[in-house]
């Protein structure tokens, strides 16, 4: 009997090299796809985080303005009672019952814009005195980068017509406006523009009343 011929069941060197090359190519394509997907996910996550931070900041400012309080203090020079609330067309300082740290007591807020940078916020506790000094010493936080701030204040004339003005000085008027309108306008390549309209319910002090004639000079 003739011996049986042995079967060659192994791979040749060329087949092994081709298999390794195809495997490397597939792994390279897979890793590139994973990198692209991960990059898109990170960019979307960062955008989502920024939008959430902006929304939370807007909500905090809105709640604080709704909780604005006619905080009174004694002027050490004249010994008269005055109310703290100073509003310009690009800045506003007020005292609110709302605190972002959820601390007890009143909190002094200051919102102001710096051209080319954005809108900053300062916070300080409001005691029984004028909180301006503590606000000046507090560190500002860039709350809305890339935005300008436009503010106006609602008051009622003697004929009961309601009018918006671009400034409000409670030290002279001894009351707060009926509402505050804040508009955040982007100063860089940002598409979103935001508005806040906050009604102030507690606009007048219980015992201190403004001179109505002074409102005509706004």
N, C-alpha and C. Protein backbone atom coordinates (compact mmCIF):
# COMPACT_ATOMS: atom_id res chain seq x y z
N UNK A 1 0.84 -1.18 0.00
CA UNK A 1 0.00 0.00 0.00
C UNK A 1 0.88 1.25 0.00
N UNK A 2 0.42 2.21 -0.80
CA UNK A 2 1.18 3.47 -0.85
C UNK A 2 0.77 4.37 0.31
N UNK A 3 1.76 5.08 0.87
CA UNK A 3 1.41 5.96 2.02
C UNK A 3 0.52 7.11 1.58
N UNK A 4 -0.39 7.57 2.52
CA UNK A 4 -1.31 8.68 2.21
C UNK A 4 -0.55 10.01 2.21
N UNK A 5 -0.97 10.85 1.33
CA UNK A 5 -0.34 12.18 1.23
C UNK A 5 -0.85 13.05 2.37
N UNK A 6 0.06 13.72 3.10
CA UNK A 6 -0.33 14.58 4.25
C UNK A 6 -0.99 15.84 3.75
N UNK A 7 -2.09 16.28 4.41
CA UNK A 7 -2.82 17.51 4.06
C UNK A 7 -2.14 18.72 4.68
N UNK A 8 -1.95 19.79 3.89
CA UNK A 8 -1.38 21.05 4.39
C UNK A 8 -2.51 21.96 4.87
N UNK A 9 -2.76 22.01 6.20
CA UNK A 9 -3.87 22.79 6.75
C UNK A 9 -3.44 24.13 7.32
N UNK A 10 -2.17 24.56 7.31
CA UNK A 10 -1.69 25.83 7.88
C UNK A 10 -1.84 26.99 6.91
N UNK A 11 -1.55 28.26 7.42
CA UNK A 11 -1.60 29.47 6.60
C UNK A 11 -0.22 29.77 6.07
N UNK A 12 -0.22 30.32 4.88
CA UNK A 12 1.05 30.76 4.32
C UNK A 12 1.45 32.09 4.93
N UNK A 13 2.68 32.49 4.76
CA UNK A 13 3.19 33.76 5.30
C UNK A 13 2.45 34.94 4.70
N UNK A 14 2.13 34.86 3.42
CA UNK A 14 1.41 35.96 2.76
C UNK A 14 0.02 36.15 3.37
N UNK A 15 -0.67 35.03 3.65
CA UNK A 15 -2.01 35.12 4.25
C UNK A 15 -1.96 35.73 5.65
N UNK A 16 -0.95 35.38 6.41
CA UNK A 16 -0.81 35.94 7.76
C UNK A 16 -0.58 37.44 7.69
N UNK A 17 0.31 37.87 6.77
CA UNK A 17 0.61 39.30 6.63
C UNK A 17 -0.63 40.06 6.20
N UNK A 18 -1.42 39.50 5.25
CA UNK A 18 -2.64 40.16 4.79
C UNK A 18 -3.66 40.28 5.91
N UNK A 19 -3.79 39.22 6.71
CA UNK A 19 -4.74 39.24 7.83
C UNK A 19 -4.36 40.30 8.85
N UNK A 20 -3.08 40.37 9.15
CA UNK A 20 -2.62 41.37 10.11
C UNK A 20 -2.82 42.78 9.57
N UNK A 21 -2.60 42.98 8.28
CA UNK A 21 -2.80 44.30 7.67
C UNK A 21 -4.26 44.73 7.72
N UNK A 22 -5.18 43.79 7.37
CA UNK A 22 -6.61 44.11 7.42
C UNK A 22 -7.06 44.41 8.84
N UNK A 23 -6.55 43.64 9.80
CA UNK A 23 -6.91 43.88 11.20
C UNK A 23 -6.46 45.27 11.67
N UNK A 24 -5.24 45.62 11.30
CA UNK A 24 -4.72 46.95 11.67
C UNK A 24 -5.55 48.06 11.05
N UNK A 25 -5.93 47.87 9.76
CA UNK A 25 -6.75 48.87 9.09
C UNK A 25 -8.10 49.04 9.76
N UNK A 26 -8.76 47.93 10.10
CA UNK A 26 -10.06 47.99 10.76
C UNK A 26 -9.95 48.65 12.13
N UNK A 27 -8.91 48.31 12.89
CA UNK A 27 -8.73 48.93 14.21
C UNK A 27 -8.49 50.43 14.09
N UNK A 28 -7.73 50.84 13.04
CA UNK A 28 -7.49 52.26 12.83
C UNK A 28 -8.76 53.02 12.51
N UNK A 29 -9.60 52.42 11.61
CA UNK A 29 -10.87 53.06 11.28
C UNK A 29 -11.78 53.14 12.50
N UNK A 30 -11.79 52.08 13.30
CA UNK A 30 -12.64 52.05 14.48
C UNK A 30 -12.21 53.10 15.50
N UNK A 31 -10.89 53.20 15.74
CA UNK A 31 -10.40 54.19 16.71
C UNK A 31 -10.66 55.61 16.24
N UNK A 32 -10.56 55.86 14.90
CA UNK A 32 -10.86 57.20 14.37
C UNK A 32 -12.32 57.55 14.57
N UNK A 33 -13.21 56.58 14.33
CA UNK A 33 -14.64 56.83 14.53
C UNK A 33 -14.96 57.11 15.99
N UNK A 34 -14.34 56.34 16.87
CA UNK A 34 -14.56 56.56 18.30
C UNK A 34 -14.07 57.94 18.71
N UNK A 35 -12.92 58.37 18.18
CA UNK A 35 -12.37 59.69 18.51
C UNK A 35 -13.30 60.80 18.04
N UNK A 36 -13.85 60.66 16.82
CA UNK A 36 -14.77 61.67 16.28
C UNK A 36 -16.04 61.75 17.12
N UNK A 37 -16.61 60.59 17.45
CA UNK A 37 -17.83 60.56 18.27
C UNK A 37 -17.57 61.15 19.64
N UNK A 38 -16.43 60.81 20.23
CA UNK A 38 -16.10 61.35 21.55
C UNK A 38 -15.91 62.87 21.50
N UNK A 39 -15.29 63.37 20.43
CA UNK A 39 -15.12 64.81 20.28
C UNK A 39 -16.45 65.53 20.16
N UNK A 40 -17.34 64.97 19.32
CA UNK A 40 -18.69 65.56 19.19
C UNK A 40 -19.42 65.53 20.51
N UNK A 41 -19.31 64.46 21.25
CA UNK A 41 -19.99 64.35 22.55
C UNK A 41 -19.46 65.39 23.53
N UNK A 42 -18.14 65.57 23.55
CA UNK A 42 -17.55 66.57 24.45
C UNK A 42 -18.01 67.98 24.08
N UNK A 43 -18.03 68.28 22.77
CA UNK A 43 -18.47 69.61 22.35
C UNK A 43 -19.93 69.83 22.70
N UNK A 44 -20.78 68.83 22.47
CA UNK A 44 -22.20 68.96 22.81
C UNK A 44 -22.39 69.08 24.31
N UNK A 45 -21.60 68.32 25.07
CA UNK A 45 -21.71 68.38 26.53
C UNK A 45 -21.30 69.75 27.05
N UNK A 46 -20.20 70.32 26.49
CA UNK A 46 -19.76 71.64 26.91
C UNK A 46 -20.80 72.69 26.57
N UNK A 47 -21.41 72.59 25.38
CA UNK A 47 -22.45 73.54 24.99
C UNK A 47 -23.66 73.42 25.92
N UNK A 48 -24.00 72.19 26.27
CA UNK A 48 -25.13 71.97 27.17
C UNK A 48 -24.83 72.55 28.55
N UNK A 49 -23.61 72.33 29.03
CA UNK A 49 -23.23 72.87 30.34
C UNK A 49 -23.29 74.40 30.33
N UNK A 50 -22.80 75.03 29.25
CA UNK A 50 -22.82 76.49 29.17
C UNK A 50 -24.25 77.00 29.15
N UNK A 51 -25.13 76.34 28.39
CA UNK A 51 -26.53 76.77 28.34
C UNK A 51 -27.21 76.60 29.69
N UNK A 52 -26.89 75.50 30.39
CA UNK A 52 -27.47 75.30 31.72
C UNK A 52 -26.97 76.36 32.69
N UNK A 53 -25.66 76.67 32.65
CA UNK A 53 -25.11 77.69 33.53
C UNK A 53 -25.76 79.04 33.24
N UNK A 54 -25.96 79.38 31.97
CA UNK A 54 -26.57 80.65 31.60
C UNK A 54 -28.02 80.70 32.06
N UNK A 55 -28.74 79.60 31.88
CA UNK A 55 -30.14 79.55 32.29
C UNK A 55 -30.28 79.69 33.81
N UNK A 56 -29.40 79.02 34.55
CA UNK A 56 -29.44 79.13 36.01
C UNK A 56 -29.11 80.54 36.47
N UNK A 57 -28.14 81.18 35.81
CA UNK A 57 -27.78 82.55 36.18
C UNK A 57 -28.94 83.50 35.90
N UNK A 58 -29.59 83.35 34.75
CA UNK A 58 -30.76 84.18 34.43
C UNK A 58 -31.88 83.97 35.45
N UNK A 59 -32.09 82.73 35.83
CA UNK A 59 -33.13 82.43 36.81
C UNK A 59 -32.82 83.07 38.16
N UNK A 60 -31.57 83.03 38.58
CA UNK A 60 -31.18 83.62 39.86
C UNK A 60 -31.39 85.13 39.85
N UNK A 61 -30.97 85.79 38.78
CA UNK A 61 -31.15 87.25 38.69
C UNK A 61 -32.64 87.60 38.65
N UNK A 62 -33.40 86.84 37.89
CA UNK A 62 -34.84 87.08 37.81
C UNK A 62 -35.50 86.95 39.18
N UNK A 63 -35.18 85.88 39.90
CA UNK A 63 -35.77 85.67 41.23
C UNK A 63 -35.33 86.75 42.20
N UNK A 64 -34.07 87.19 42.08
CA UNK A 64 -33.58 88.23 42.97
C UNK A 64 -34.30 89.55 42.73
N UNK A 65 -34.53 89.90 41.46
CA UNK A 65 -35.24 91.15 41.15
C UNK A 65 -36.69 91.09 41.61
N UNK A 66 -37.32 89.93 41.47
CA UNK A 66 -38.68 89.78 41.98
C UNK A 66 -38.71 89.94 43.51
N UNK A 67 -37.62 89.55 44.15
CA UNK A 67 -37.55 89.67 45.60
C UNK A 67 -36.87 90.94 46.09
N UNK A 68 -36.74 91.95 45.20
CA UNK A 68 -36.12 93.21 45.60
C UNK A 68 -36.89 93.82 46.78
N UNK A 69 -36.13 94.38 47.71
CA UNK A 69 -36.70 94.84 48.98
C UNK A 69 -36.29 96.29 49.23
N UNK A 70 -37.22 97.16 49.68
CA UNK A 70 -36.85 98.57 49.97
C UNK A 70 -36.04 98.69 51.25
N UNK A 71 -34.80 98.24 51.17
CA UNK A 71 -33.92 98.22 52.33
C UNK A 71 -33.59 99.66 52.75
N UNK A 72 -33.89 100.00 54.00
CA UNK A 72 -33.65 101.36 54.49
C UNK A 72 -32.49 101.37 55.47
N UNK A 73 -31.81 102.51 55.52
CA UNK A 73 -30.68 102.70 56.43
C UNK A 73 -30.62 104.19 56.77
N UNK A 74 -29.86 104.52 57.79
CA UNK A 74 -29.74 105.90 58.23
C UNK A 74 -28.49 106.53 57.63
N UNK A 75 -28.67 107.67 56.98
CA UNK A 75 -27.54 108.42 56.46
C UNK A 75 -26.81 109.06 57.63
N UNK A 76 -25.54 108.71 57.79
CA UNK A 76 -24.79 109.18 58.96
C UNK A 76 -24.56 110.68 58.95
N UNK A 77 -24.60 111.32 57.78
CA UNK A 77 -24.37 112.76 57.71
C UNK A 77 -25.65 113.54 57.99
N UNK A 78 -26.75 113.12 57.36
CA UNK A 78 -28.00 113.86 57.52
C UNK A 78 -28.93 113.25 58.56
N UNK A 79 -28.64 112.00 58.98
CA UNK A 79 -29.49 111.26 59.92
C UNK A 79 -30.88 110.98 59.36
N UNK A 80 -31.04 111.10 58.05
CA UNK A 80 -32.31 110.77 57.41
C UNK A 80 -32.33 109.30 57.01
N UNK A 81 -33.53 108.76 56.92
CA UNK A 81 -33.69 107.39 56.46
C UNK A 81 -33.68 107.37 54.94
N UNK A 82 -32.90 106.47 54.36
CA UNK A 82 -32.80 106.35 52.92
C UNK A 82 -33.02 104.91 52.50
N UNK A 83 -33.35 104.73 51.23
CA UNK A 83 -33.61 103.40 50.68
C UNK A 83 -32.53 103.08 49.66
N UNK A 84 -32.03 101.85 49.70
CA UNK A 84 -30.92 101.44 48.84
C UNK A 84 -31.45 100.80 47.56
N UNK A 85 -31.27 101.49 46.44
CA UNK A 85 -31.57 100.95 45.12
C UNK A 85 -31.07 101.98 44.12
N UNK A 86 -30.02 101.64 43.37
CA UNK A 86 -29.43 102.57 42.40
C UNK A 86 -29.40 101.89 41.04
N UNK A 87 -30.14 102.46 40.10
CA UNK A 87 -30.22 101.87 38.77
C UNK A 87 -29.79 102.84 37.68
N UNK A 88 -28.89 102.39 36.83
CA UNK A 88 -28.48 103.12 35.63
C UNK A 88 -28.85 102.28 34.42
N UNK A 89 -28.50 102.77 33.23
CA UNK A 89 -28.87 102.01 32.03
C UNK A 89 -27.98 100.79 31.81
N UNK A 90 -26.82 100.71 32.52
CA UNK A 90 -25.95 99.54 32.36
C UNK A 90 -25.48 98.96 33.69
N UNK A 91 -26.09 99.37 34.79
CA UNK A 91 -25.72 98.84 36.10
C UNK A 91 -26.89 98.98 37.06
N UNK A 92 -26.89 98.11 38.07
CA UNK A 92 -27.98 98.13 39.04
C UNK A 92 -27.49 97.54 40.36
N UNK A 93 -27.79 98.25 41.45
CA UNK A 93 -27.48 97.77 42.80
C UNK A 93 -28.78 97.75 43.59
N UNK A 94 -29.05 96.62 44.25
CA UNK A 94 -30.29 96.49 44.99
C UNK A 94 -30.12 95.48 46.11
N UNK A 95 -31.10 95.46 47.00
CA UNK A 95 -31.14 94.49 48.09
C UNK A 95 -32.33 93.58 47.87
N UNK A 96 -32.10 92.27 48.06
CA UNK A 96 -33.13 91.29 47.78
C UNK A 96 -33.28 90.32 48.94
N UNK A 97 -34.47 89.76 49.03
CA UNK A 97 -34.70 88.69 50.01
C UNK A 97 -34.18 87.36 49.50
N UNK A 98 -33.71 87.32 48.25
CA UNK A 98 -33.21 86.09 47.63
C UNK A 98 -31.69 86.08 47.70
N UNK A 99 -31.13 84.95 48.11
CA UNK A 99 -29.68 84.78 48.16
C UNK A 99 -29.30 83.52 47.40
N UNK A 100 -28.30 83.58 46.49
CA UNK A 100 -27.89 82.37 45.76
C UNK A 100 -27.28 81.33 46.67
N UNK A 101 -26.73 81.74 47.81
CA UNK A 101 -26.18 80.79 48.77
C UNK A 101 -27.24 80.27 49.74
N UNK A 102 -28.50 80.74 49.55
CA UNK A 102 -29.61 80.35 50.41
C UNK A 102 -29.33 80.67 51.88
N UNK A 103 -28.59 81.74 52.09
CA UNK A 103 -28.32 82.17 53.45
C UNK A 103 -29.47 83.01 53.97
N UNK A 104 -29.62 83.05 55.27
CA UNK A 104 -30.70 83.82 55.88
C UNK A 104 -30.37 85.30 55.82
N UNK A 105 -31.39 86.14 55.88
CA UNK A 105 -31.19 87.57 55.84
C UNK A 105 -31.21 88.12 54.42
N UNK A 106 -31.04 89.44 54.33
CA UNK A 106 -31.07 90.12 53.05
C UNK A 106 -29.69 90.10 52.39
N UNK A 107 -29.68 90.15 51.05
CA UNK A 107 -28.43 90.13 50.29
C UNK A 107 -28.41 91.31 49.34
N UNK A 108 -27.27 92.01 49.32
CA UNK A 108 -27.08 93.11 48.37
C UNK A 108 -26.49 92.56 47.07
N UNK A 109 -27.09 92.97 45.95
CA UNK A 109 -26.66 92.54 44.61
C UNK A 109 -26.18 93.75 43.83
N UNK A 110 -25.19 93.55 42.99
CA UNK A 110 -24.75 94.59 42.05
C UNK A 110 -24.46 93.94 40.71
N UNK A 111 -25.17 94.38 39.69
CA UNK A 111 -25.02 93.86 38.33
C UNK A 111 -24.51 95.00 37.46
N UNK A 112 -23.41 94.76 36.74
CA UNK A 112 -22.86 95.83 35.91
C UNK A 112 -22.12 95.21 34.72
N UNK A 113 -22.03 96.01 33.66
CA UNK A 113 -21.40 95.55 32.42
C UNK A 113 -20.05 96.23 32.23
N UNK A 114 -19.09 95.47 31.71
CA UNK A 114 -17.78 95.99 31.31
C UNK A 114 -17.65 95.76 29.81
N UNK A 115 -17.48 96.85 29.08
CA UNK A 115 -17.45 96.77 27.62
C UNK A 115 -16.36 95.81 27.14
N UNK A 116 -16.73 94.90 26.26
CA UNK A 116 -15.79 93.96 25.69
C UNK A 116 -15.55 92.72 26.54
N UNK A 117 -16.08 92.69 27.76
CA UNK A 117 -15.87 91.53 28.64
C UNK A 117 -17.18 90.81 28.95
N UNK A 118 -18.14 91.52 29.46
CA UNK A 118 -19.41 90.88 29.80
C UNK A 118 -20.06 91.55 30.99
N UNK A 119 -20.99 90.84 31.58
CA UNK A 119 -21.77 91.35 32.72
C UNK A 119 -21.29 90.67 33.99
N UNK A 120 -20.95 91.47 34.99
CA UNK A 120 -20.42 90.97 36.25
C UNK A 120 -21.47 91.08 37.36
N UNK A 121 -21.26 90.27 38.38
CA UNK A 121 -22.15 90.28 39.55
C UNK A 121 -21.32 90.34 40.82
N UNK A 122 -21.77 91.19 41.76
CA UNK A 122 -21.19 91.25 43.09
C UNK A 122 -22.28 90.96 44.12
N UNK A 123 -21.90 90.30 45.20
CA UNK A 123 -22.83 89.97 46.28
C UNK A 123 -22.21 90.34 47.62
N UNK A 124 -23.08 90.78 48.54
CA UNK A 124 -22.61 91.10 49.89
C UNK A 124 -23.80 91.03 50.83
N UNK A 125 -23.58 90.71 52.09
CA UNK A 125 -24.70 90.70 53.04
C UNK A 125 -25.21 92.11 53.28
N UNK A 126 -26.52 92.23 53.45
CA UNK A 126 -27.15 93.52 53.72
C UNK A 126 -27.59 93.55 55.17
N UNK A 127 -26.95 94.39 55.96
CA UNK A 127 -27.31 94.53 57.36
C UNK A 127 -28.22 95.75 57.51
N UNK A 128 -28.12 96.46 58.61
CA UNK A 128 -28.97 97.62 58.83
C UNK A 128 -28.36 98.91 58.31
N UNK A 129 -27.18 98.81 57.67
CA UNK A 129 -26.51 100.01 57.18
C UNK A 129 -26.51 100.02 55.66
N UNK A 130 -25.74 100.96 55.09
CA UNK A 130 -25.57 101.05 53.65
C UNK A 130 -24.62 99.95 53.18
N UNK A 131 -25.05 99.04 52.30
CA UNK A 131 -24.19 97.91 51.89
C UNK A 131 -23.19 98.26 50.79
N UNK A 132 -23.10 99.53 50.39
CA UNK A 132 -22.24 99.91 49.27
C UNK A 132 -20.78 99.55 49.52
N UNK A 133 -20.29 99.81 50.74
CA UNK A 133 -18.89 99.55 51.04
C UNK A 133 -18.57 98.06 50.92
N UNK A 134 -19.43 97.21 51.44
CA UNK A 134 -19.19 95.76 51.34
C UNK A 134 -19.25 95.29 49.90
N UNK A 135 -20.15 95.88 49.10
CA UNK A 135 -20.21 95.52 47.69
C UNK A 135 -18.93 95.94 46.96
N UNK A 136 -18.41 97.11 47.29
CA UNK A 136 -17.17 97.58 46.65
C UNK A 136 -15.99 96.66 46.97
N UNK A 137 -16.01 96.07 48.15
CA UNK A 137 -14.90 95.21 48.58
C UNK A 137 -15.06 93.77 48.12
N UNK A 138 -16.23 93.39 47.66
CA UNK A 138 -16.46 92.00 47.23
C UNK A 138 -15.88 91.77 45.84
N UNK A 139 -15.54 90.52 45.55
CA UNK A 139 -14.95 90.16 44.26
C UNK A 139 -16.04 89.96 43.21
N UNK A 140 -15.89 90.60 42.05
CA UNK A 140 -16.89 90.41 40.99
C UNK A 140 -16.76 89.05 40.31
N UNK A 141 -17.87 88.51 39.87
CA UNK A 141 -17.93 87.24 39.14
C UNK A 141 -18.48 87.52 37.74
N UNK A 142 -17.76 87.05 36.73
CA UNK A 142 -18.23 87.23 35.35
C UNK A 142 -19.41 86.29 35.11
N UNK A 143 -20.61 86.85 35.16
CA UNK A 143 -21.82 86.03 35.11
C UNK A 143 -22.25 85.75 33.67
N UNK A 144 -22.16 86.76 32.81
CA UNK A 144 -22.58 86.60 31.41
C UNK A 144 -21.45 87.09 30.50
N UNK A 145 -20.46 86.25 30.20
CA UNK A 145 -19.36 86.67 29.33
C UNK A 145 -19.84 86.93 27.91
N UNK A 146 -19.31 88.00 27.32
CA UNK A 146 -19.66 88.32 25.94
C UNK A 146 -20.97 89.05 25.77
N UNK A 147 -21.53 89.60 26.85
CA UNK A 147 -22.82 90.28 26.76
C UNK A 147 -22.72 91.71 27.29
N UNK A 148 -23.54 92.61 26.70
CA UNK A 148 -23.76 93.94 27.24
C UNK A 148 -25.10 93.96 27.97
N UNK A 149 -25.27 94.94 28.84
CA UNK A 149 -26.46 95.01 29.69
C UNK A 149 -27.21 96.31 29.42
N UNK A 150 -28.52 96.20 29.19
CA UNK A 150 -29.39 97.36 29.03
C UNK A 150 -30.52 97.25 30.05
N UNK A 151 -30.68 98.28 30.86
CA UNK A 151 -31.66 98.26 31.94
C UNK A 151 -32.61 99.44 31.84
N UNK A 152 -33.85 99.23 32.24
CA UNK A 152 -34.84 100.30 32.35
C UNK A 152 -35.78 99.97 33.50
N UNK A 153 -36.48 101.01 33.99
CA UNK A 153 -37.24 100.89 35.23
C UNK A 153 -38.63 101.51 35.03
N UNK A 154 -39.63 100.83 35.55
CA UNK A 154 -41.02 101.23 35.34
C UNK A 154 -41.53 102.02 36.55
N UNK A 155 -42.14 103.16 36.29
CA UNK A 155 -42.76 103.94 37.35
C UNK A 155 -44.10 104.49 36.87
N UNK A 156 -44.86 104.98 37.81
CA UNK A 156 -46.20 105.49 37.52
C UNK A 156 -46.23 107.00 37.73
N UNK A 157 -46.64 107.74 36.70
CA UNK A 157 -46.73 109.18 36.80
C UNK A 157 -47.95 109.59 37.61
N UNK A 158 -48.07 110.89 37.86
CA UNK A 158 -49.20 111.39 38.66
C UNK A 158 -50.54 111.12 37.99
N UNK A 159 -50.55 111.06 36.65
CA UNK A 159 -51.80 110.76 35.94
C UNK A 159 -52.01 109.26 35.76
N UNK A 160 -51.21 108.47 36.49
CA UNK A 160 -51.31 107.01 36.53
C UNK A 160 -50.86 106.34 35.24
N UNK A 161 -50.21 107.09 34.36
CA UNK A 161 -49.59 106.46 33.19
C UNK A 161 -48.26 105.83 33.61
N UNK A 162 -48.01 104.63 33.13
CA UNK A 162 -46.78 103.91 33.46
C UNK A 162 -45.75 104.15 32.37
N UNK A 163 -44.54 104.54 32.79
CA UNK A 163 -43.48 104.94 31.88
C UNK A 163 -42.19 104.24 32.27
N UNK A 164 -41.38 103.87 31.25
CA UNK A 164 -40.06 103.30 31.49
C UNK A 164 -39.02 104.40 31.47
N UNK A 165 -38.07 104.35 32.40
CA UNK A 165 -36.96 105.29 32.46
C UNK A 165 -35.66 104.52 32.55
N UNK A 166 -34.54 105.16 32.17
CA UNK A 166 -33.25 104.46 32.14
C UNK A 166 -32.43 104.66 33.41
N UNK A 167 -33.00 105.25 34.44
CA UNK A 167 -32.28 105.37 35.72
C UNK A 167 -33.29 105.44 36.86
N UNK A 168 -32.79 105.05 38.04
CA UNK A 168 -33.64 105.09 39.24
C UNK A 168 -32.76 105.24 40.46
N UNK A 169 -33.00 106.27 41.23
CA UNK A 169 -32.23 106.52 42.43
C UNK A 169 -33.17 106.55 43.63
N UNK A 170 -33.21 105.44 44.36
CA UNK A 170 -34.11 105.33 45.51
C UNK A 170 -33.69 106.24 46.65
N UNK A 171 -32.44 106.67 46.66
CA UNK A 171 -31.99 107.60 47.69
C UNK A 171 -32.77 108.91 47.61
N UNK A 172 -33.17 109.29 46.39
CA UNK A 172 -33.95 110.51 46.20
C UNK A 172 -35.46 110.23 46.20
N UNK A 173 -35.85 109.15 45.54
CA UNK A 173 -37.28 108.86 45.38
C UNK A 173 -37.87 108.11 46.56
N UNK A 174 -37.01 107.49 47.37
CA UNK A 174 -37.45 106.75 48.56
C UNK A 174 -38.45 105.65 48.23
N UNK A 175 -38.28 105.03 47.10
CA UNK A 175 -39.09 103.88 46.71
C UNK A 175 -38.38 103.13 45.59
N UNK A 176 -38.87 101.95 45.30
CA UNK A 176 -38.33 101.14 44.21
C UNK A 176 -39.24 101.27 42.99
N UNK A 177 -38.74 100.98 41.81
CA UNK A 177 -39.61 100.99 40.63
C UNK A 177 -40.63 99.86 40.70
N UNK A 178 -41.65 99.98 39.87
CA UNK A 178 -42.67 98.93 39.83
C UNK A 178 -42.15 97.66 39.17
N UNK A 179 -41.19 97.80 38.27
CA UNK A 179 -40.61 96.65 37.57
C UNK A 179 -39.26 97.02 37.01
N UNK A 180 -38.46 96.00 36.72
CA UNK A 180 -37.14 96.18 36.10
C UNK A 180 -37.09 95.35 34.82
N UNK A 181 -36.62 95.99 33.76
CA UNK A 181 -36.44 95.31 32.48
C UNK A 181 -34.94 95.22 32.19
N UNK A 182 -34.44 94.02 32.05
CA UNK A 182 -33.02 93.79 31.76
C UNK A 182 -32.89 93.06 30.43
N UNK A 183 -32.04 93.60 29.58
CA UNK A 183 -31.81 93.00 28.26
C UNK A 183 -30.33 92.69 28.12
N UNK A 184 -30.03 91.43 27.82
CA UNK A 184 -28.66 90.98 27.61
C UNK A 184 -28.41 90.87 26.11
N UNK A 185 -27.51 91.74 25.62
CA UNK A 185 -27.24 91.82 24.18
C UNK A 185 -25.83 91.31 23.93
N UNK A 186 -25.64 90.33 23.05
CA UNK A 186 -24.29 89.80 22.80
C UNK A 186 -23.41 90.83 22.11
N UNK A 187 -22.15 90.95 22.55
CA UNK A 187 -21.20 91.85 21.91
C UNK A 187 -20.14 91.10 21.12
N UNK A 188 -20.29 89.78 21.03
CA UNK A 188 -19.40 88.95 20.20
C UNK A 188 -20.27 88.06 19.34
N UNK A 189 -19.67 87.06 18.72
CA UNK A 189 -20.40 86.19 17.80
C UNK A 189 -21.28 85.20 18.58
N UNK A 190 -22.34 85.75 19.19
CA UNK A 190 -23.31 84.93 19.91
C UNK A 190 -24.69 85.25 19.35
N UNK A 191 -25.47 84.23 19.09
CA UNK A 191 -26.78 84.46 18.46
C UNK A 191 -27.88 84.74 19.47
N UNK A 192 -27.71 84.28 20.70
CA UNK A 192 -28.79 84.35 21.68
C UNK A 192 -28.83 85.70 22.37
N UNK A 193 -30.02 86.27 22.48
CA UNK A 193 -30.28 87.49 23.24
C UNK A 193 -31.34 87.17 24.28
N UNK A 194 -31.17 87.71 25.49
CA UNK A 194 -32.05 87.35 26.59
C UNK A 194 -32.67 88.59 27.22
N UNK A 195 -33.88 88.40 27.78
CA UNK A 195 -34.60 89.48 28.44
C UNK A 195 -35.15 89.00 29.78
N UNK A 196 -35.17 89.92 30.73
CA UNK A 196 -35.78 89.66 32.03
C UNK A 196 -36.72 90.82 32.34
N UNK A 197 -37.96 90.51 32.65
CA UNK A 197 -38.92 91.51 33.10
C UNK A 197 -39.41 91.07 34.48
N UNK A 198 -38.95 91.77 35.49
CA UNK A 198 -39.25 91.38 36.86
C UNK A 198 -40.13 92.44 37.52
N UNK A 199 -41.28 92.01 37.97
CA UNK A 199 -42.17 92.91 38.70
C UNK A 199 -41.75 92.96 40.17
N UNK A 200 -41.66 94.16 40.72
CA UNK A 200 -41.29 94.33 42.11
C UNK A 200 -42.55 94.61 42.92
N UNK A 201 -42.93 93.66 43.72
CA UNK A 201 -44.17 93.78 44.48
C UNK A 201 -43.99 94.69 45.70
N UNK A 202 -42.86 94.52 46.36
CA UNK A 202 -42.62 95.30 47.58
C UNK A 202 -41.77 96.52 47.22
N UNK A 203 -42.39 97.51 46.57
CA UNK A 203 -41.64 98.63 46.02
C UNK A 203 -41.54 99.82 46.96
N UNK A 204 -42.39 99.90 47.97
CA UNK A 204 -42.37 101.05 48.86
C UNK A 204 -42.16 100.62 50.31
N UNK A 205 -41.47 101.47 51.03
CA UNK A 205 -41.26 101.24 52.46
C UNK A 205 -42.56 101.55 53.21
N UNK A 206 -42.78 100.85 54.31
CA UNK A 206 -44.03 101.03 55.04
C UNK A 206 -44.17 102.42 55.63
N UNK A 207 -43.08 102.99 56.09
CA UNK A 207 -43.16 104.29 56.78
C UNK A 207 -42.53 105.43 55.98
N UNK A 208 -41.62 105.10 55.03
CA UNK A 208 -40.97 106.15 54.26
C UNK A 208 -41.69 106.30 52.93
N UNK A 209 -42.11 107.51 52.62
CA UNK A 209 -42.82 107.77 51.37
C UNK A 209 -42.04 108.78 50.54
N UNK A 210 -41.96 108.56 49.22
CA UNK A 210 -41.23 109.50 48.37
C UNK A 210 -42.03 110.77 48.11
N UNK A 211 -41.32 111.80 47.68
CA UNK A 211 -41.95 113.02 47.21
C UNK A 211 -42.38 112.80 45.76
N UNK A 212 -43.70 112.76 45.54
CA UNK A 212 -44.20 112.43 44.22
C UNK A 212 -43.74 113.44 43.16
N UNK A 213 -43.47 114.70 43.57
CA UNK A 213 -43.06 115.70 42.59
C UNK A 213 -41.70 115.36 42.00
N UNK A 214 -40.86 114.65 42.74
CA UNK A 214 -39.53 114.31 42.26
C UNK A 214 -39.59 113.33 41.10
N UNK A 215 -40.65 112.56 41.00
CA UNK A 215 -40.75 111.57 39.92
C UNK A 215 -40.88 112.24 38.57
N UNK A 216 -41.33 113.48 38.54
CA UNK A 216 -41.47 114.17 37.27
C UNK A 216 -40.12 114.50 36.65
N UNK A 217 -39.06 114.46 37.45
CA UNK A 217 -37.74 114.81 36.94
C UNK A 217 -36.96 113.61 36.42
N UNK A 218 -37.57 112.42 36.40
CA UNK A 218 -36.86 111.22 35.94
C UNK A 218 -36.50 111.34 34.46
